[in-house]
């Protein structure tokens, strides 16, 4: 009877995601997606020089990478809540809207943040 109870408790705790899930996870040990709260600047002149893009957020991992127009950019983690990405002039050659997101590889699949529009005028 004791063994049955122990097995039942073990199955229930595993099926519910277990106890003490790591911080910043979704309860099953999978890194939760980052959430971009601000881009600085929000726009740039098309055809202009390269610049540094600051990305503020919640939930970035230490190995987060900023993607600008679906291309990974050189990214520096400034603090637990801020990244800086180097955007080359070649990435802003044409006017339009590009999407920015962050990939925080908290597991083998990686987790993408929300997507934020960046304007090239």
N, C-alpha and C. Protein backbone atom coordinates (compact mmCIF):
# COMPACT_ATOMS: atom_id res chain seq x y z
N UNK A 1 0.81 -1.19 0.00
CA UNK A 1 0.00 0.00 0.00
C UNK A 1 0.86 1.26 0.00
N UNK A 2 1.94 1.26 0.83
CA UNK A 2 2.82 2.41 0.88
C UNK A 2 3.45 2.66 -0.50
N UNK A 3 3.87 1.58 -1.14
CA UNK A 3 4.50 1.71 -2.46
C UNK A 3 3.52 2.29 -3.47
N UNK A 4 2.27 1.89 -3.41
CA UNK A 4 1.25 2.42 -4.32
C UNK A 4 1.07 3.92 -4.11
N UNK A 5 1.05 4.34 -2.87
CA UNK A 5 0.90 5.77 -2.57
C UNK A 5 2.10 6.57 -3.06
N UNK A 6 3.29 6.05 -2.85
CA UNK A 6 4.51 6.74 -3.30
C UNK A 6 4.51 6.85 -4.82
N UNK A 7 4.17 5.80 -5.52
CA UNK A 7 4.13 5.83 -6.98
C UNK A 7 3.07 6.81 -7.47
N UNK A 8 1.93 6.84 -6.84
CA UNK A 8 0.86 7.76 -7.22
C UNK A 8 1.31 9.22 -7.03
N UNK A 9 1.93 9.51 -5.92
CA UNK A 9 2.43 10.87 -5.67
C UNK A 9 3.50 11.24 -6.69
N UNK A 10 4.39 10.33 -6.99
CA UNK A 10 5.45 10.59 -7.98
C UNK A 10 4.85 10.86 -9.35
N UNK A 11 3.88 10.08 -9.77
CA UNK A 11 3.25 10.28 -11.07
C UNK A 11 2.51 11.61 -11.13
N UNK A 12 1.80 11.95 -10.07
CA UNK A 12 1.07 13.22 -10.04
C UNK A 12 2.03 14.41 -10.10
N UNK A 13 3.13 14.35 -9.36
CA UNK A 13 4.06 15.49 -9.37
C UNK A 13 4.76 15.61 -10.71
N UNK A 14 5.10 14.52 -11.36
CA UNK A 14 5.72 14.58 -12.68
C UNK A 14 4.73 15.06 -13.73
N UNK A 15 3.50 14.61 -13.64
CA UNK A 15 2.49 15.00 -14.61
C UNK A 15 2.10 16.47 -14.50
N UNK A 16 2.31 17.07 -13.35
CA UNK A 16 1.95 18.46 -13.13
C UNK A 16 3.14 19.40 -13.29
N UNK A 17 4.25 18.89 -13.76
CA UNK A 17 5.41 19.74 -13.97
C UNK A 17 6.39 19.70 -12.82
N UNK A 18 6.10 18.96 -11.78
CA UNK A 18 7.03 18.83 -10.67
C UNK A 18 7.01 20.04 -9.77
N UNK A 19 7.88 20.01 -8.80
CA UNK A 19 7.99 21.10 -7.84
C UNK A 19 9.26 21.88 -8.10
N UNK A 20 9.28 23.13 -7.65
CA UNK A 20 10.47 23.97 -7.73
C UNK A 20 10.99 24.11 -9.15
N UNK A 21 10.12 24.43 -10.10
CA UNK A 21 10.56 24.68 -11.48
C UNK A 21 11.51 25.86 -11.47
N UNK A 22 12.58 25.83 -12.28
CA UNK A 22 13.53 26.92 -12.30
C UNK A 22 12.86 28.26 -12.62
N UNK A 23 13.40 29.32 -12.05
CA UNK A 23 12.86 30.67 -12.29
C UNK A 23 12.89 30.98 -13.77
N UNK A 24 11.85 31.67 -14.25
CA UNK A 24 11.79 32.06 -15.66
C UNK A 24 11.36 30.95 -16.59
N UNK A 25 10.84 29.87 -16.01
CA UNK A 25 10.36 28.78 -16.85
C UNK A 25 8.85 28.73 -16.81
N UNK A 26 8.29 27.90 -17.67
CA UNK A 26 6.83 27.81 -17.76
C UNK A 26 6.24 26.76 -16.83
N UNK A 27 6.99 26.28 -15.85
CA UNK A 27 6.51 25.27 -14.92
C UNK A 27 6.89 23.87 -15.33
N UNK A 28 7.36 23.69 -16.55
CA UNK A 28 7.79 22.38 -17.02
C UNK A 28 9.28 22.37 -17.34
N UNK A 29 10.02 23.38 -16.85
CA UNK A 29 11.45 23.43 -17.08
C UNK A 29 11.83 24.02 -18.43
N UNK A 30 10.86 24.48 -19.21
CA UNK A 30 11.13 25.08 -20.52
C UNK A 30 11.20 26.59 -20.33
N UNK A 31 12.24 27.20 -20.86
CA UNK A 31 12.43 28.65 -20.71
C UNK A 31 11.23 29.39 -21.28
N UNK A 32 10.66 30.28 -20.49
CA UNK A 32 9.53 31.08 -20.93
C UNK A 32 10.01 32.12 -21.94
N UNK A 33 9.15 32.49 -22.86
CA UNK A 33 9.51 33.45 -23.89
C UNK A 33 9.74 34.83 -23.31
N UNK A 34 10.74 35.52 -23.85
CA UNK A 34 11.00 36.90 -23.45
C UNK A 34 9.87 37.78 -23.99
N UNK A 35 9.73 38.94 -23.41
CA UNK A 35 8.71 39.88 -23.85
C UNK A 35 9.36 41.24 -24.04
N UNK A 36 9.51 41.66 -25.30
CA UNK A 36 10.11 42.96 -25.59
C UNK A 36 9.13 44.04 -25.16
N UNK A 37 9.63 44.98 -24.35
CA UNK A 37 8.78 46.08 -23.90
C UNK A 37 9.10 47.38 -24.63
N UNK A 38 10.34 47.52 -25.15
CA UNK A 38 10.70 48.75 -25.85
C UNK A 38 11.92 48.54 -26.73
N UNK A 39 11.92 49.26 -27.87
CA UNK A 39 13.09 49.35 -28.76
C UNK A 39 13.55 50.80 -28.73
N UNK A 40 14.86 51.01 -28.62
CA UNK A 40 15.40 52.37 -28.64
C UNK A 40 16.57 52.37 -29.61
N UNK A 41 16.49 53.08 -30.72
CA UNK A 41 15.36 53.88 -31.19
C UNK A 41 14.27 52.98 -31.79
N UNK A 42 13.09 53.56 -32.10
CA UNK A 42 11.96 52.83 -32.70
C UNK A 42 11.99 52.89 -34.22
N UNK A 43 12.85 53.78 -34.76
CA UNK A 43 12.94 53.94 -36.22
C UNK A 43 14.32 54.45 -36.58
N UNK A 44 14.63 54.38 -37.89
CA UNK A 44 15.90 54.89 -38.42
C UNK A 44 15.68 55.31 -39.86
N UNK A 45 16.62 56.10 -40.37
CA UNK A 45 16.56 56.54 -41.76
C UNK A 45 17.06 55.43 -42.67
N UNK A 46 16.23 55.03 -43.63
CA UNK A 46 16.66 54.02 -44.60
C UNK A 46 17.86 54.55 -45.36
N UNK A 47 18.86 53.71 -45.55
CA UNK A 47 20.07 54.12 -46.25
C UNK A 47 21.06 54.84 -45.36
N UNK A 48 20.72 54.99 -44.08
CA UNK A 48 21.60 55.69 -43.15
C UNK A 48 22.71 54.78 -42.62
N UNK A 49 23.48 55.31 -41.67
CA UNK A 49 24.57 54.51 -41.10
C UNK A 49 24.05 53.46 -40.13
N UNK A 50 24.87 52.47 -39.85
CA UNK A 50 24.52 51.47 -38.86
C UNK A 50 24.37 52.12 -37.49
N UNK A 51 23.79 51.42 -36.55
CA UNK A 51 23.53 51.98 -35.22
C UNK A 51 23.43 50.85 -34.21
N UNK A 52 23.34 51.25 -32.94
CA UNK A 52 23.14 50.29 -31.87
C UNK A 52 21.67 50.34 -31.45
N UNK A 53 21.03 49.19 -31.44
CA UNK A 53 19.63 49.07 -31.04
C UNK A 53 19.59 48.55 -29.61
N UNK A 54 18.90 49.27 -28.74
CA UNK A 54 18.69 48.82 -27.36
C UNK A 54 17.33 48.15 -27.27
N UNK A 55 17.31 46.98 -26.68
CA UNK A 55 16.07 46.21 -26.53
C UNK A 55 15.82 46.00 -25.04
N UNK A 56 14.71 46.54 -24.56
CA UNK A 56 14.31 46.35 -23.16
C UNK A 56 13.25 45.27 -23.12
N UNK A 57 13.19 44.56 -22.01
CA UNK A 57 12.35 43.38 -21.97
C UNK A 57 12.03 42.89 -20.58
N UNK A 58 11.38 41.73 -20.56
CA UNK A 58 11.31 40.87 -19.39
C UNK A 58 11.71 39.48 -19.86
N UNK A 59 12.41 38.75 -19.01
CA UNK A 59 12.68 37.32 -19.23
C UNK A 59 13.78 36.98 -20.24
N UNK A 60 14.75 37.84 -20.52
CA UNK A 60 15.84 37.46 -21.43
C UNK A 60 16.77 36.46 -20.75
N UNK A 61 17.33 35.56 -21.52
CA UNK A 61 18.35 34.63 -21.03
C UNK A 61 19.73 35.22 -21.33
N UNK A 62 20.75 34.68 -20.69
CA UNK A 62 22.11 35.19 -20.85
C UNK A 62 22.63 35.01 -22.28
N UNK A 63 22.07 34.07 -23.02
CA UNK A 63 22.53 33.83 -24.40
C UNK A 63 21.52 34.32 -25.44
N UNK A 64 20.77 35.35 -25.09
CA UNK A 64 19.76 35.90 -26.00
C UNK A 64 20.41 36.56 -27.22
N UNK A 65 19.72 36.46 -28.36
CA UNK A 65 20.20 37.05 -29.61
C UNK A 65 19.06 37.86 -30.23
N UNK A 66 19.36 39.10 -30.62
CA UNK A 66 18.39 39.96 -31.29
C UNK A 66 18.36 39.59 -32.77
N UNK A 67 17.15 39.42 -33.30
CA UNK A 67 16.96 39.20 -34.73
C UNK A 67 16.30 40.45 -35.31
N UNK A 68 16.90 40.99 -36.35
CA UNK A 68 16.43 42.20 -37.03
C UNK A 68 16.17 41.79 -38.47
N UNK A 69 14.91 41.88 -38.90
CA UNK A 69 14.52 41.43 -40.24
C UNK A 69 14.95 39.98 -40.47
N UNK A 70 14.69 39.14 -39.48
CA UNK A 70 14.95 37.69 -39.52
C UNK A 70 16.42 37.32 -39.60
N UNK A 71 17.32 38.26 -39.28
CA UNK A 71 18.76 37.99 -39.29
C UNK A 71 19.32 38.21 -37.89
N UNK A 72 20.10 37.25 -37.42
CA UNK A 72 20.72 37.37 -36.10
C UNK A 72 21.75 38.49 -36.13
N UNK A 73 21.71 39.36 -35.12
CA UNK A 73 22.64 40.48 -35.01
C UNK A 73 23.60 40.22 -33.84
N UNK A 74 24.79 40.83 -33.93
CA UNK A 74 25.73 40.76 -32.81
C UNK A 74 25.05 41.38 -31.60
N UNK A 75 24.92 40.61 -30.52
CA UNK A 75 24.14 41.04 -29.37
C UNK A 75 24.97 40.99 -28.10
N UNK A 76 24.81 42.03 -27.27
CA UNK A 76 25.47 42.10 -25.98
C UNK A 76 24.39 42.18 -24.90
N UNK A 77 24.53 41.36 -23.87
CA UNK A 77 23.63 41.44 -22.73
C UNK A 77 24.19 42.53 -21.81
N UNK A 78 23.42 43.60 -21.63
CA UNK A 78 23.85 44.73 -20.80
C UNK A 78 23.48 44.47 -19.35
N UNK A 79 22.23 44.15 -19.12
CA UNK A 79 21.74 43.79 -17.79
C UNK A 79 20.75 42.65 -17.98
N UNK A 80 20.17 42.22 -16.89
CA UNK A 80 19.16 41.15 -16.96
C UNK A 80 17.93 41.59 -17.73
N UNK A 81 17.76 42.91 -17.92
CA UNK A 81 16.57 43.43 -18.60
C UNK A 81 16.86 44.20 -19.87
N UNK A 82 18.10 44.15 -20.36
CA UNK A 82 18.43 44.96 -21.54
C UNK A 82 19.50 44.29 -22.40
N UNK A 83 19.26 44.36 -23.71
CA UNK A 83 20.22 43.89 -24.70
C UNK A 83 20.59 45.04 -25.61
N UNK A 84 21.78 44.96 -26.21
CA UNK A 84 22.18 45.92 -27.24
C UNK A 84 22.62 45.12 -28.45
N UNK A 85 22.12 45.51 -29.63
CA UNK A 85 22.45 44.81 -30.87
C UNK A 85 23.06 45.80 -31.86
N UNK A 86 24.09 45.35 -32.54
CA UNK A 86 24.72 46.16 -33.57
C UNK A 86 23.99 45.92 -34.88
N UNK A 87 23.38 46.99 -35.42
CA UNK A 87 22.62 46.89 -36.68
C UNK A 87 23.48 47.55 -37.76
N UNK A 88 23.96 46.79 -38.75
CA UNK A 88 24.81 47.36 -39.79
C UNK A 88 23.98 48.16 -40.81
N UNK A 89 24.65 49.07 -41.52
CA UNK A 89 23.98 49.89 -42.54
C UNK A 89 23.31 49.02 -43.59
N UNK A 90 23.89 47.88 -43.90
CA UNK A 90 23.31 46.99 -44.92
C UNK A 90 21.93 46.47 -44.52
N UNK A 91 21.63 46.43 -43.22
CA UNK A 91 20.33 45.93 -42.75
C UNK A 91 19.23 46.98 -42.84
N UNK A 92 19.61 48.25 -43.08
CA UNK A 92 18.61 49.32 -43.13
C UNK A 92 18.64 50.06 -44.46
N UNK A 93 19.05 49.39 -45.50
CA UNK A 93 19.21 50.03 -46.81
C UNK A 93 17.89 50.44 -47.46
N UNK A 94 16.82 49.73 -47.18
CA UNK A 94 15.54 49.96 -47.86
C UNK A 94 14.45 50.38 -46.87
N UNK A 95 13.64 51.37 -47.27
CA UNK A 95 12.54 51.83 -46.42
C UNK A 95 11.50 50.73 -46.24
N UNK A 96 10.84 50.75 -45.10
CA UNK A 96 9.79 49.78 -44.82
C UNK A 96 9.76 49.45 -43.35
N UNK A 97 9.03 48.40 -43.03
CA UNK A 97 8.92 47.94 -41.65
C UNK A 97 9.63 46.61 -41.53
N UNK A 98 10.49 46.48 -40.54
CA UNK A 98 11.13 45.19 -40.27
C UNK A 98 10.70 44.74 -38.89
N UNK A 99 10.72 43.45 -38.70
CA UNK A 99 10.34 42.89 -37.41
C UNK A 99 11.58 42.58 -36.59
N UNK A 100 11.47 42.87 -35.30
CA UNK A 100 12.54 42.60 -34.35
C UNK A 100 12.00 41.62 -33.33
N UNK A 101 12.79 40.59 -33.02
CA UNK A 101 12.45 39.68 -31.94
C UNK A 101 13.74 39.18 -31.32
N UNK A 102 13.61 38.53 -30.19
CA UNK A 102 14.76 37.99 -29.47
C UNK A 102 14.58 36.50 -29.32
N UNK A 103 15.65 35.77 -29.59
CA UNK A 103 15.65 34.33 -29.35
C UNK A 103 16.45 34.10 -28.08
N UNK A 104 15.81 33.51 -27.09
CA UNK A 104 16.46 33.17 -25.83
C UNK A 104 16.51 31.66 -25.75
N UNK A 105 17.63 31.11 -26.09
CA UNK A 105 17.77 29.65 -26.17
C UNK A 105 17.85 29.05 -24.78
N UNK A 106 16.69 28.92 -24.16
CA UNK A 106 16.63 28.34 -22.83
C UNK A 106 16.49 26.83 -22.86
N UNK A 107 16.27 26.26 -24.03
CA UNK A 107 16.24 24.82 -24.18
C UNK A 107 16.77 24.49 -25.57
N UNK A 108 16.73 23.26 -25.98
CA UNK A 108 17.33 22.89 -27.26
C UNK A 108 16.60 23.48 -28.45
N UNK A 109 15.37 23.94 -28.27
CA UNK A 109 14.60 24.50 -29.37
C UNK A 109 14.72 26.01 -29.46
N UNK A 110 15.10 26.66 -28.38
CA UNK A 110 15.11 28.12 -28.36
C UNK A 110 13.68 28.63 -28.22
N UNK A 111 13.56 29.82 -27.69
CA UNK A 111 12.25 30.40 -27.47
C UNK A 111 12.28 31.82 -28.01
N UNK A 112 11.35 32.16 -28.89
CA UNK A 112 11.29 33.51 -29.45
C UNK A 112 10.37 34.39 -28.64
N UNK A 113 10.75 35.66 -28.55
CA UNK A 113 9.94 36.67 -27.88
C UNK A 113 8.78 37.08 -28.77
N UNK A 114 8.04 38.05 -28.26
CA UNK A 114 7.06 38.73 -29.11
C UNK A 114 7.82 39.47 -30.21
N UNK A 115 7.13 39.86 -31.26
CA UNK A 115 7.74 40.59 -32.37
C UNK A 115 7.30 42.04 -32.30
N UNK A 116 8.28 42.95 -32.53
CA UNK A 116 8.00 44.39 -32.50
C UNK A 116 8.44 44.98 -33.82
N UNK A 117 7.60 45.85 -34.39
CA UNK A 117 7.92 46.49 -35.66
C UNK A 117 8.93 47.63 -35.48
N UNK A 118 9.88 47.72 -36.41
CA UNK A 118 10.87 48.79 -36.45
C UNK A 118 10.70 49.48 -37.80
N UNK A 119 10.56 50.80 -37.79
CA UNK A 119 10.32 51.55 -39.02
C UNK A 119 11.61 52.07 -39.63
N UNK A 120 11.74 51.87 -40.94
CA UNK A 120 12.83 52.44 -41.72
C UNK A 120 12.21 53.47 -42.64
N UNK A 121 12.45 54.76 -42.38
CA UNK A 121 11.82 55.85 -43.12
C UNK A 121 12.69 56.27 -44.29
